[in-house]
């Protein structure tokens, strides 16, 4: 059982790194440059060094990917249980799908947090 847990943790960590690093570096290239703006039109941003922008973009990518992976795991578990319950008692399908929707909400909340954090990226 411990070996399965270790393997699953390593797979999750590798998946997060494979998704987060390229996405974070790509976001830092896209949003890394500064455009001249008037003081009145300037949105509030956090003052950081250019190296911190890359770390910030990577942290946004990790946040989003972890939320999406967590939602995928939850939907897989809840969806399997919902279909199992619906196969025995079909009247439970509507109630069980509500829980699948709640599990999908995790990914939506992660996406909202990522969008809010990207607003602070210089």
Protein backbone atom coordinates (compact mmCIF):
# COMPACT_ATOMS: atom_id res chain seq x y z
CA UNK A 1 0.00 0.00 0.00
CA UNK A 2 2.85 2.38 0.83
CA UNK A 3 4.49 1.80 -2.54
CA UNK A 4 1.23 2.70 -4.33
CA UNK A 5 1.04 5.91 -2.32
CA UNK A 6 4.64 6.80 -3.11
CA UNK A 7 4.13 6.12 -6.81
CA UNK A 8 0.96 8.21 -6.92
CA UNK A 9 2.69 11.10 -5.12
CA UNK A 10 5.61 10.95 -7.55
CA UNK A 11 3.24 10.88 -10.53
CA UNK A 12 1.32 13.89 -9.21
CA UNK A 13 4.54 15.81 -8.56
CA UNK A 14 5.87 15.03 -12.03
CA UNK A 15 2.58 16.04 -13.63
CA UNK A 16 2.52 19.33 -11.73
CA UNK A 17 6.09 20.11 -12.73
CA UNK A 18 5.49 19.19 -16.36
CA UNK A 19 2.46 21.47 -16.51
CA UNK A 20 3.51 24.28 -14.19
CA UNK A 21 7.03 25.02 -15.36
CA UNK A 22 6.34 25.51 -19.09
CA UNK A 23 3.14 27.40 -18.33
CA UNK A 24 4.87 29.62 -15.79
CA UNK A 25 7.78 30.37 -18.07
CA UNK A 26 5.42 31.07 -20.96
CA UNK A 27 3.37 33.46 -18.83
CA UNK A 28 6.50 35.25 -17.69
CA UNK A 29 7.51 35.81 -21.32
CA UNK A 30 4.06 37.03 -22.32
CA UNK A 31 3.43 39.26 -19.31
CA UNK A 32 7.06 40.12 -18.51
CA UNK A 33 7.36 43.32 -20.54
CA UNK A 34 6.26 46.70 -19.30
CA UNK A 35 4.15 49.07 -21.32
CA UNK A 36 4.25 52.80 -20.67
CA UNK A 37 1.06 53.96 -19.00
CA UNK A 38 -0.20 57.12 -17.38
CA UNK A 39 -0.28 57.17 -13.60
CA UNK A 40 -4.07 57.57 -13.52
CA UNK A 41 -4.61 54.57 -15.81
CA UNK A 42 -2.16 52.31 -14.05
CA UNK A 43 -3.71 49.34 -12.25
CA UNK A 44 -2.48 48.55 -8.74
CA UNK A 45 0.32 45.99 -8.90
CA UNK A 46 2.78 44.50 -6.49
CA UNK A 47 6.29 45.90 -6.89
CA UNK A 48 8.67 43.04 -7.62
CA UNK A 49 11.97 42.45 -9.33
CA UNK A 50 11.95 40.80 -12.76
CA UNK A 51 13.14 37.47 -11.33
CA UNK A 52 10.23 37.48 -8.95
CA UNK A 53 7.81 37.74 -11.87
CA UNK A 54 8.94 34.33 -13.08
CA UNK A 55 8.50 32.83 -9.63
CA UNK A 56 5.11 34.50 -9.31
CA UNK A 57 3.99 33.14 -12.69
CA UNK A 58 5.16 29.66 -11.73
CA UNK A 59 3.25 29.86 -8.46
CA UNK A 60 0.10 30.86 -10.35
CA UNK A 61 0.58 27.89 -12.67
CA UNK A 62 1.11 25.52 -9.75
CA UNK A 63 -2.00 26.85 -8.02
CA UNK A 64 -4.12 26.34 -11.11
CA UNK A 65 -2.74 22.92 -11.92
CA UNK A 66 -3.18 21.64 -8.36
CA UNK A 67 -6.79 22.84 -8.33
CA UNK A 68 -7.47 21.14 -11.66
CA UNK A 69 -5.76 17.89 -10.64
CA UNK A 70 -7.67 17.88 -7.35
CA UNK A 71 -10.94 18.46 -9.18
CA UNK A 72 -10.16 15.67 -11.64
CA UNK A 73 -9.42 13.28 -8.79
CA UNK A 74 -12.61 14.26 -6.95
CA UNK A 75 -14.78 13.98 -10.06
CA UNK A 76 -13.29 10.55 -10.78
CA UNK A 77 -14.05 9.24 -7.31
CA UNK A 78 -17.46 10.89 -6.95
CA UNK A 79 -18.49 10.09 -10.52
CA UNK A 80 -17.65 6.41 -10.10
CA UNK A 81 -19.60 6.27 -6.86
CA UNK A 82 -22.53 8.13 -8.45
CA UNK A 83 -22.72 5.73 -11.38
CA UNK A 84 -22.43 2.76 -9.04
CA UNK A 85 -25.29 4.06 -6.93
CA UNK A 86 -27.35 4.88 -10.03
CA UNK A 87 -26.91 1.37 -11.39
CA UNK A 88 -28.46 -0.06 -8.24
CA UNK A 89 -31.09 2.64 -7.69
CA UNK A 90 -31.69 4.84 -10.78
CA UNK A 91 -33.62 7.45 -8.80
CA UNK A 92 -30.37 8.49 -7.06
CA UNK A 93 -28.71 9.71 -10.28
CA UNK A 94 -29.99 13.30 -10.04
CA UNK A 95 -28.90 13.65 -6.44
CA UNK A 96 -25.52 12.09 -7.11
CA UNK A 97 -24.76 14.41 -10.04
CA UNK A 98 -25.02 17.38 -7.68
CA UNK A 99 -21.94 16.07 -5.87
CA UNK A 100 -20.10 15.71 -9.18
CA UNK A 101 -20.88 19.37 -9.89
CA UNK A 102 -19.54 20.36 -6.48
CA UNK A 103 -16.31 18.52 -7.23
CA UNK A 104 -16.01 20.41 -10.53
CA UNK A 105 -16.33 23.65 -8.57
CA UNK A 106 -12.83 23.10 -7.20
CA UNK A 107 -11.36 23.67 -10.66
CA UNK A 108 -13.50 26.76 -11.19
CA UNK A 109 -12.33 28.26 -7.89
CA UNK A 110 -8.72 27.52 -8.81
CA UNK A 111 -9.19 29.25 -12.16
CA UNK A 112 -10.72 32.30 -10.47
CA UNK A 113 -7.79 32.53 -8.06
CA UNK A 114 -5.34 32.24 -10.97
CA UNK A 115 -7.08 35.06 -12.85
CA UNK A 116 -7.02 37.25 -9.76
CA UNK A 117 -3.33 36.54 -9.22
CA UNK A 118 -2.52 37.24 -12.87
CA UNK A 119 -4.00 40.70 -12.36
CA UNK A 120 -1.05 41.48 -10.08
CA UNK A 121 1.57 40.22 -12.53
CA UNK A 122 3.60 43.07 -13.98
